[in-house]
C-alpha cells in the first residue's frame, strides 16, 4: 500500500512540474454549471426527436403499398361516372395504389359479402353494409373509430360502435318549382303542405323514405333528435293523402315532374336529386321545411379483405373534408351538409337552418313494416 501511495505522489508531482514548465498546451477547463433536470431532459435526444411518429394516414399508406400489390377493392352501389373521378383523384394523391371499383346494387353487395364471409374469402376492402345489420353483427366490417375520429365524423353519423358511418348524409326535403311557387307561398312547415291551395299540386315518391327515416323508433331510446313518433307520421300522411297527391316512383321522376311545373311541390325528395336538378339549371330549390330525415347510406372498411390497410386508407380519404369530399361533391351534389365543402345542398342546409334527424341501424328491422304502414296511410297499394 505504501508503494502505491508513493507512486501516486510521484506522478502527481511530475504533472505539477510539467504544467509549470508549459509542456501541456491544453487550456485549463472552465467549470460549467450543472444543468437542471428540465434542461438535461431537453438536451437529451428523445425517441420522438430522433424519429417522428408517423400519422395514421402515413402508416396506412405504407402498409397498403406493401399489401396485395397496392390494389384496393371498392365494392359499392354507385355509378362508374361517379366512381371514376373519385378513384383517379385518390390514386393521384397516393401513387402506387390502384382502386378497383365493382358496382353492384345494395342487395347484391349485402348478399355477396355474407356469402364470401361464410366461405372465408372476402373480396372487398371497403363497401356498403346497407341497412342490413347482419354485416355488422358478424364481424365482416372492422372497427374504424380511429379513422372517424381522425377526420371528424359527427358521433350521430357513426353506426354500430365505429363499424360504419354515413357515406353520404342523404337528407330528404321538400322540393318546389321556383317559377310557380314564390314569396310567401314557399312552404315553411309540413303543416303548410296541408293548406287546401296545394290540393292537386303535389307529387310524392312512392317509397316514402323521407318519412320512414324521420321515424323515432322505441329502440333508439331517445338518443336521436328531430324525429317524429310513428303515430304522428301516420296522422300526417293520412291528412296529406286528402290533398290528391300524385304518386310516382323514383326521385329523378319526381324531380322532373316538379321542374316541369306539372306538380310544383314534392313533400319528400332526397336532396341529391334536388342538387342535381339545380346543377342542371332546372327551376327548383329546397324549401326550408324541417326537420329533415337522413337516409342511411353507409360505408365501412372490411375487416378481412385482400388489402385491409388500403381499404382503411381509402375510407379515410373518402370521408376527409379536404381530400375526398370535394371530389365527391363535384360529381354528386348532396354528398355533404358541410357548408364549407362547396356543396350547394350543404350551403342551403346551413342557410335554411335545417334540423337534421339522424337514425340508427335499428331501422333495418323496421323499414319494411314502416313502409307498408305509411303506404296504407297514403292509400298507396302495398301488394
Protein backbone atom coordinates (compact mmCIF):
# COMPACT_ATOMS: atom_id res chain seq x y z
CA UNK A 1 0.00 0.00 0.00
CA UNK A 2 2.85 2.40 0.84
CA UNK A 3 4.46 1.67 -2.56
CA UNK A 4 1.21 2.51 -4.39
CA UNK A 5 0.81 5.72 -2.39
CA UNK A 6 4.43 6.70 -3.10
CA UNK A 7 3.93 6.04 -6.82
CA UNK A 8 0.81 8.22 -6.97
CA UNK A 9 2.55 11.03 -5.09
CA UNK A 10 5.47 10.93 -7.50
CA UNK A 11 3.18 11.02 -10.58
CA UNK A 12 1.24 13.97 -9.15
CA UNK A 13 4.47 15.87 -8.57
CA UNK A 14 5.64 15.25 -12.12
CA UNK A 15 2.32 16.52 -13.52
CA UNK A 16 2.58 19.72 -11.48
CA UNK A 17 6.12 20.33 -12.71
CA UNK A 18 5.13 19.66 -16.35
CA UNK A 19 2.28 22.15 -16.11
CA UNK A 20 4.59 24.77 -14.62
CA UNK A 21 7.10 24.33 -17.47
CA UNK A 22 4.37 24.82 -20.12
CA UNK A 23 4.81 21.34 -21.56
CA UNK A 24 0.96 20.81 -21.60
CA UNK A 25 -0.68 23.15 -24.21
CA UNK A 26 -4.25 22.25 -23.22
CA UNK A 27 -6.21 25.17 -21.73
CA UNK A 28 -7.34 24.84 -18.18
CA UNK A 29 -11.00 23.62 -18.20
CA UNK A 30 -13.58 26.19 -17.17
CA UNK A 31 -16.14 24.76 -14.73
CA UNK A 32 -19.64 24.56 -16.27
CA UNK A 33 -22.90 24.91 -14.29
CA UNK A 34 -24.74 21.68 -13.67
CA UNK A 35 -27.88 21.59 -15.88
CA UNK A 36 -31.21 21.42 -14.15
CA UNK A 37 -33.26 18.23 -14.63
CA UNK A 38 -35.51 20.07 -17.12
CA UNK A 39 -32.53 21.32 -19.13
CA UNK A 40 -30.99 17.88 -19.13
CA UNK A 41 -34.21 16.34 -20.49
CA UNK A 42 -34.44 19.00 -23.21
CA UNK A 43 -30.84 18.46 -24.26
CA UNK A 44 -31.02 14.67 -24.40
CA UNK A 45 -32.29 13.30 -27.73
CA UNK A 46 -35.65 11.63 -27.30
CA UNK A 47 -37.05 8.83 -29.48
CA UNK A 48 -39.58 11.30 -30.93
CA UNK A 49 -36.82 13.75 -31.82
CA UNK A 50 -34.78 11.03 -33.48
CA UNK A 51 -37.74 9.60 -35.43
CA UNK A 52 -41.07 11.38 -35.74
CA UNK A 53 -44.09 9.20 -35.14
CA UNK A 54 -45.97 8.51 -38.36
CA UNK A 55 -49.53 9.73 -38.75
CA UNK A 56 -52.41 7.31 -39.21
CA UNK A 57 -52.55 8.29 -42.87
CA UNK A 58 -48.82 7.62 -43.37
CA UNK A 59 -48.98 4.26 -41.60
CA UNK A 60 -51.92 3.10 -43.70
CA UNK A 61 -50.33 4.28 -46.95
CA UNK A 62 -47.09 2.45 -46.22
CA UNK A 63 -48.88 -0.77 -45.33
CA UNK A 64 -51.30 -0.52 -48.26
CA UNK A 65 -48.41 -0.25 -50.72
CA UNK A 66 -46.91 -3.44 -49.34
CA UNK A 67 -50.16 -5.44 -49.50
CA UNK A 68 -51.90 -7.10 -52.48
CA UNK A 69 -49.65 -5.22 -54.93
CA UNK A 70 -51.26 -1.98 -53.79
CA UNK A 71 -54.68 -2.95 -55.14
CA UNK A 72 -57.79 -1.87 -53.21
CA UNK A 73 -61.23 -3.37 -53.87
CA UNK A 74 -64.13 -0.90 -53.63
CA UNK A 75 -67.49 -2.70 -53.89
CA UNK A 76 -70.26 -0.15 -53.91
CA UNK A 77 -73.71 0.78 -55.25
CA UNK A 78 -72.53 3.74 -57.31
CA UNK A 79 -72.29 4.59 -60.98
CA UNK A 80 -68.96 4.40 -62.80
CA UNK A 81 -69.39 8.02 -63.87
CA UNK A 82 -69.30 8.99 -60.19
CA UNK A 83 -66.69 6.44 -59.16
CA UNK A 84 -64.06 7.08 -61.85
CA UNK A 85 -63.20 10.69 -60.86
CA UNK A 86 -63.01 9.63 -57.22
CA UNK A 87 -60.58 6.79 -57.92
CA UNK A 88 -58.42 8.94 -60.20
CA UNK A 89 -58.08 11.64 -57.54
CA UNK A 90 -57.23 9.11 -54.84
CA UNK A 91 -54.59 7.36 -56.95
CA UNK A 92 -53.01 10.71 -57.84
CA UNK A 93 -52.67 11.52 -54.15
CA UNK A 94 -51.31 8.08 -53.25
CA UNK A 95 -49.01 6.90 -56.07
CA UNK A 96 -48.61 3.15 -56.29
CA UNK A 97 -52.15 2.35 -55.12
CA UNK A 98 -54.82 1.14 -57.53
CA UNK A 99 -58.54 1.22 -56.66
CA UNK A 100 -60.77 -1.26 -58.47
CA UNK A 101 -64.49 -0.42 -58.36
CA UNK A 102 -67.14 -3.12 -58.63
CA UNK A 103 -70.60 -1.60 -58.95
CA UNK A 104 -73.50 -3.57 -57.51
CA UNK A 105 -76.90 -2.85 -56.04
CA UNK A 106 -77.08 -2.62 -52.26
CA UNK A 107 -78.79 -6.03 -52.05
CA UNK A 108 -76.10 -7.59 -54.26
CA UNK A 109 -73.38 -6.08 -52.08
CA UNK A 110 -75.06 -7.42 -48.96
CA UNK A 111 -75.65 -10.96 -50.18
CA UNK A 112 -72.21 -11.14 -51.77
CA UNK A 113 -70.42 -10.16 -48.57
CA UNK A 114 -72.47 -12.58 -46.48
CA UNK A 115 -71.61 -15.46 -48.85
CA UNK A 116 -67.92 -14.53 -49.05
CA UNK A 117 -67.74 -14.31 -45.27
CA UNK A 118 -69.30 -17.75 -44.96
CA UNK A 119 -66.74 -19.16 -47.41
CA UNK A 120 -63.85 -17.32 -45.75
CA UNK A 121 -62.90 -15.45 -48.93
CA UNK A 122 -63.79 -11.75 -48.68
CA UNK A 123 -63.14 -9.89 -51.95
CA UNK A 124 -63.89 -6.30 -50.83
CA UNK A 125 -61.74 -3.87 -48.83
CA UNK A 126 -64.29 -1.08 -48.46
CA UNK A 127 -68.00 -1.42 -49.05
CA UNK A 128 -71.58 -0.52 -48.17
CA UNK A 129 -73.37 -2.52 -45.45
CA UNK A 130 -76.72 -1.03 -46.45
CA UNK A 131 -79.42 -1.38 -43.81
CA UNK A 132 -78.53 -4.99 -43.06
CA UNK A 133 -77.26 -5.29 -39.50
CA UNK A 134 -76.02 -8.85 -40.18
CA UNK A 135 -72.98 -7.41 -41.97
CA UNK A 136 -72.08 -5.52 -38.81
CA UNK A 137 -73.09 -8.16 -36.29
CA UNK A 138 -70.99 -10.91 -37.94
CA UNK A 139 -67.71 -9.05 -37.86
CA UNK A 140 -67.48 -8.51 -41.61
CA UNK A 141 -66.63 -4.83 -41.05
CA UNK A 142 -63.73 -3.74 -38.85
CA UNK A 143 -63.60 -1.02 -36.21
CA UNK A 144 -62.86 2.31 -37.92
CA UNK A 145 -63.32 4.52 -34.87
CA UNK A 146 -59.76 5.85 -35.23
CA UNK A 147 -60.45 6.91 -38.81
CA UNK A 148 -63.76 8.57 -37.95
CA UNK A 149 -62.07 10.47 -35.13
CA UNK A 150 -59.17 11.43 -37.39
CA UNK A 151 -61.44 13.10 -39.97
CA UNK A 152 -64.00 14.45 -37.50
CA UNK A 153 -67.15 12.43 -38.23
CA UNK A 154 -70.13 13.51 -36.13
CA UNK A 155 -70.96 10.98 -33.43
CA UNK A 156 -74.60 10.74 -34.55
CA UNK A 157 -73.42 9.70 -38.03
CA UNK A 158 -71.41 6.71 -36.74
CA UNK A 159 -73.05 3.30 -36.63
CA UNK A 160 -72.52 0.08 -34.69
CA UNK A 161 -69.83 1.47 -32.36
CA UNK A 162 -67.48 2.51 -35.15
CA UNK A 163 -68.02 -0.22 -37.74
CA UNK A 164 -69.61 2.09 -40.31
CA UNK A 165 -70.64 5.68 -40.94
CA UNK A 166 -72.73 7.70 -43.34
CA UNK A 167 -71.03 7.86 -46.73
CA UNK A 168 -73.46 10.47 -48.00
CA UNK A 169 -75.67 12.22 -45.44
CA UNK A 170 -78.56 11.76 -47.87
CA UNK A 171 -81.13 14.10 -46.42
CA UNK A 172 -84.73 14.29 -47.61
CA UNK A 173 -86.60 17.53 -48.02
CA UNK A 174 -89.42 19.47 -49.65
CA UNK A 175 -88.77 20.47 -53.26
CA UNK A 176 -90.59 23.25 -55.12
CA UNK A 177 -90.68 24.88 -58.54
CA UNK A 178 -89.16 28.36 -58.21
CA UNK A 179 -91.11 29.75 -61.20
CA UNK A 180 -94.50 28.79 -59.78
CA UNK A 181 -94.07 28.76 -56.02
CA UNK A 182 -92.67 32.11 -54.89
CA UNK A 183 -92.57 34.56 -51.98
CA UNK A 184 -94.96 33.83 -49.12
CA UNK A 185 -96.25 30.72 -50.92
CA UNK A 186 -92.97 28.85 -50.35
CA UNK A 187 -93.75 26.20 -47.68
CA UNK A 188 -92.11 26.84 -44.32
CA UNK A 189 -93.52 23.87 -42.36
CA UNK A 190 -95.02 20.46 -43.04
CA UNK A 191 -98.36 21.88 -41.94
CA UNK A 192 -98.17 24.39 -44.81
CA UNK A 193 -98.43 21.47 -47.24
CA UNK A 194 -101.87 20.65 -45.86
CA UNK A 195 -103.23 24.02 -46.99
CA UNK A 196 -106.17 23.46 -49.38
CA UNK A 197 -104.47 25.64 -52.02
CA UNK A 198 -101.97 22.83 -52.62
CA UNK A 199 -104.60 20.20 -53.33
CA UNK A 200 -103.76 18.55 -56.63
CA UNK A 201 -100.42 20.40 -56.76
CA UNK A 202 -98.08 17.87 -55.16
CA UNK A 203 -96.16 14.75 -56.23
CA UNK A 204 -94.72 12.16 -53.86
CA UNK A 205 -92.15 9.37 -54.34
CA UNK A 206 -93.88 6.08 -53.59
CA UNK A 207 -91.22 4.59 -51.29
CA UNK A 208 -91.78 7.32 -48.66
CA UNK A 209 -88.18 7.04 -47.44
CA UNK A 210 -88.08 10.56 -46.04
CA UNK A 211 -90.95 9.79 -43.68
CA UNK A 212 -89.64 6.34 -42.82
CA UNK A 213 -86.28 7.71 -41.73
CA UNK A 214 -87.99 10.55 -39.87
CA UNK A 215 -89.48 7.96 -37.50
CA UNK A 216 -88.31 7.86 -33.90
CA UNK A 217 -88.21 4.14 -33.09
CA UNK A 218 -88.61 2.94 -29.48
CA UNK A 219 -85.30 1.08 -29.94
CA UNK A 220 -83.50 4.40 -30.26
CA UNK A 221 -84.27 5.16 -26.60
CA UNK A 222 -84.49 8.84 -27.45
CA UNK A 223 -80.83 9.18 -28.49
CA UNK A 224 -81.62 10.89 -31.81
CA UNK A 225 -83.04 14.39 -32.09
CA UNK A 226 -85.54 15.87 -34.54
CA UNK A 227 -87.52 12.67 -35.19
CA UNK A 228 -91.29 12.11 -35.07
CA UNK A 229 -93.18 9.29 -33.34
CA UNK A 230 -94.69 6.75 -35.72
CA UNK A 231 -98.25 7.73 -34.76
CA UNK A 232 -97.55 11.37 -35.64
CA UNK A 233 -96.31 10.41 -39.10
CA UNK A 234 -99.32 8.16 -39.75
CA UNK A 235 -101.63 11.01 -38.78
CA UNK A 236 -99.77 13.45 -41.01
CA UNK A 237 -99.73 11.15 -44.06
CA UNK A 238 -103.44 10.42 -43.63
CA UNK A 239 -104.10 14.16 -43.90
CA UNK A 240 -101.63 14.54 -46.78
CA UNK A 241 -103.47 11.83 -48.73
CA UNK A 242 -106.53 14.10 -48.79
CA UNK A 243 -104.50 16.59 -50.87
CA UNK A 244 -104.86 14.45 -54.02
CA UNK A 245 -101.11 13.83 -54.23
CA UNK A 246 -99.70 12.29 -57.43
CA UNK A 247 -97.70 9.15 -56.60
CA UNK A 248 -94.65 8.35 -58.73
CA UNK A 249 -91.66 6.01 -58.47
CA UNK A 250 -88.10 7.32 -58.45
CA UNK A 251 -86.61 10.55 -57.15
CA UNK A 252 -85.50 11.65 -60.60
CA UNK A 253 -89.01 11.16 -61.97
CA UNK A 254 -90.46 13.21 -59.10
CA UNK A 255 -87.80 15.89 -59.57
CA UNK A 256 -88.62 16.20 -63.27
CA UNK A 257 -92.34 16.48 -62.50
CA UNK A 258 -91.65 19.37 -60.14
CA UNK A 259 -89.24 21.03 -62.58
CA UNK A 260 -91.77 20.83 -65.42
CA UNK A 261 -94.40 22.51 -63.26
CA UNK A 262 -96.87 19.65 -63.69
CA UNK A 263 -96.90 19.30 -59.90
CA UNK A 264 -94.81 22.17 -58.45
CA UNK A 265 -94.23 20.74 -54.97
CA UNK A 266 -92.97 17.44 -53.57
CA UNK A 267 -93.17 16.78 -49.80
CA UNK A 268 -90.33 14.24 -49.97
CA UNK A 269 -87.35 14.06 -52.36
CA UNK A 270 -83.78 13.14 -51.50
CA UNK A 271 -81.58 16.22 -51.63
CA UNK A 272 -79.11 14.64 -54.07
CA UNK A 273 -81.88 14.73 -56.68
CA UNK A 274 -82.61 18.36 -55.79
CA UNK A 275 -78.91 19.20 -56.07
CA UNK A 276 -78.56 17.52 -59.45
CA UNK A 277 -81.63 19.37 -60.74
CA UNK A 278 -80.22 22.71 -59.56
CA UNK A 279 -76.88 21.98 -61.27
CA UNK A 280 -78.81 21.27 -64.47
CA UNK A 281 -80.43 24.72 -64.18
CA UNK A 282 -83.90 23.35 -63.53
CA UNK A 283 -86.20 25.88 -61.80
CA UNK A 284 -86.27 24.07 -58.46
CA UNK A 285 -84.99 24.53 -54.93
CA UNK A 286 -85.07 23.11 -51.42
CA UNK A 287 -87.77 24.56 -49.15
CA UNK A 288 -86.97 25.49 -45.52
CA UNK A 289 -89.32 22.79 -44.22
CA UNK A 290 -87.64 20.96 -41.34
CA UNK A 291 -86.78 18.53 -39.65
CA UNK A 292 -85.10 16.57 -42.40
CA UNK A 293 -84.51 12.85 -42.18
CA UNK A 294 -81.19 11.29 -43.14
CA UNK A 295 -81.37 8.17 -45.29
CA UNK A 296 -78.86 5.52 -44.31
CA UNK A 297 -76.20 5.12 -46.98
CA UNK A 298 -73.35 3.60 -45.03
CA UNK A 299 -69.73 2.78 -45.69
CA UNK A 300 -67.09 0.85 -43.80
CA UNK A 301 -63.76 -0.92 -44.11
CA UNK A 302 -64.00 -4.70 -44.46
CA UNK A 303 -62.03 -6.48 -41.75
CA UNK A 304 -60.52 -9.36 -43.75
CA UNK A 305 -60.34 -8.03 -47.30
CA UNK A 306 -57.32 -8.50 -49.59
CA UNK A 307 -55.86 -5.13 -48.52
CA UNK A 308 -57.28 -4.06 -45.13
CA UNK A 309 -54.91 -1.10 -44.75
CA UNK A 310 -55.75 0.04 -48.27
CA UNK A 311 -59.45 -0.16 -47.52
CA UNK A 312 -58.99 1.90 -44.36
CA UNK A 313 -56.89 4.50 -46.17
CA UNK A 314 -59.44 4.81 -48.98
CA UNK A 315 -62.23 5.10 -46.41
CA UNK A 316 -60.35 7.84 -44.59
CA UNK A 317 -59.73 9.76 -47.81
CA UNK A 318 -63.36 9.47 -48.95
CA UNK A 319 -64.57 10.98 -45.68
CA UNK A 320 -61.99 13.76 -45.40
CA UNK A 321 -63.31 17.29 -45.91
CA UNK A 322 -60.09 18.40 -47.60
CA UNK A 323 -59.48 15.30 -49.71
CA UNK A 324 -62.28 13.04 -50.93
CA UNK A 325 -65.38 15.09 -50.15
CA UNK A 326 -64.62 17.98 -52.57
CA UNK A 327 -64.12 15.43 -55.35
CA UNK A 328 -67.37 13.69 -54.50
CA UNK A 329 -69.24 16.99 -54.36
CA UNK A 330 -68.12 17.78 -57.90
CA UNK A 331 -69.78 14.64 -59.28
CA UNK A 332 -72.65 14.29 -56.82
CA UNK A 333 -74.16 17.39 -55.18
CA UNK A 334 -75.70 16.50 -51.84
CA UNK A 335 -72.64 14.50 -50.75
CA UNK A 336 -72.20 16.57 -47.60
CA UNK A 337 -74.13 19.01 -45.45
CA UNK A 338 -70.94 20.92 -44.61
CA UNK A 339 -71.40 24.48 -45.95
CA UNK A 340 -67.62 24.90 -46.30
CA UNK A 341 -67.36 21.99 -48.73
CA UNK A 342 -68.74 23.86 -51.72
CA UNK A 343 -71.75 21.54 -51.84
CA UNK A 344 -74.81 23.53 -52.92
CA UNK A 345 -77.02 21.44 -50.66
CA UNK A 346 -74.67 21.87 -47.71
CA UNK A 347 -74.81 25.62 -48.23
CA UNK A 348 -78.61 25.60 -48.40
CA UNK A 349 -78.96 23.36 -45.37
CA UNK A 350 -76.91 25.81 -43.30
CA UNK A 351 -78.63 28.91 -44.67
CA UNK A 352 -82.10 27.49 -44.13
CA UNK A 353 -81.26 26.22 -40.65
CA UNK A 354 -82.39 22.67 -41.36
CA UNK A 355 -82.66 20.35 -38.37
CA UNK A 356 -81.12 17.01 -39.26
CA UNK A 357 -82.69 13.81 -37.97
CA UNK A 358 -80.12 11.01 -37.89
CA UNK A 359 -81.29 7.42 -37.47
CA UNK A 360 -79.84 4.21 -36.09
CA UNK A 361 -79.08 0.82 -37.59
CA UNK A 362 -82.18 -0.48 -35.79
CA UNK A 363 -84.11 0.88 -38.76
CA UNK A 364 -83.08 -2.29 -40.63
CA UNK A 365 -85.61 -4.34 -38.69
CA UNK A 366 -88.41 -1.78 -39.09
CA UNK A 367 -88.06 -0.39 -42.61
CA UNK A 368 -90.41 -2.79 -44.42
CA UNK A 369 -93.07 -2.59 -41.73
CA UNK A 370 -92.99 1.20 -41.67
CA UNK A 371 -93.10 1.41 -45.43
CA UNK A 372 -96.23 -0.72 -45.56
CA UNK A 373 -97.86 1.24 -42.72
CA UNK A 374 -97.13 4.61 -44.31
CA UNK A 375 -98.19 3.50 -47.79
CA UNK A 376 -101.50 2.38 -46.33
CA UNK A 377 -101.94 5.79 -44.70
CA UNK A 378 -101.36 7.44 -48.10
CA UNK A 379 -103.63 5.00 -49.90
CA UNK A 380 -100.77 3.56 -51.95
CA UNK A 381 -101.19 -0.13 -52.87
CA UNK A 382 -98.95 -2.33 -50.73
CA UNK A 383 -99.04 -5.55 -52.70
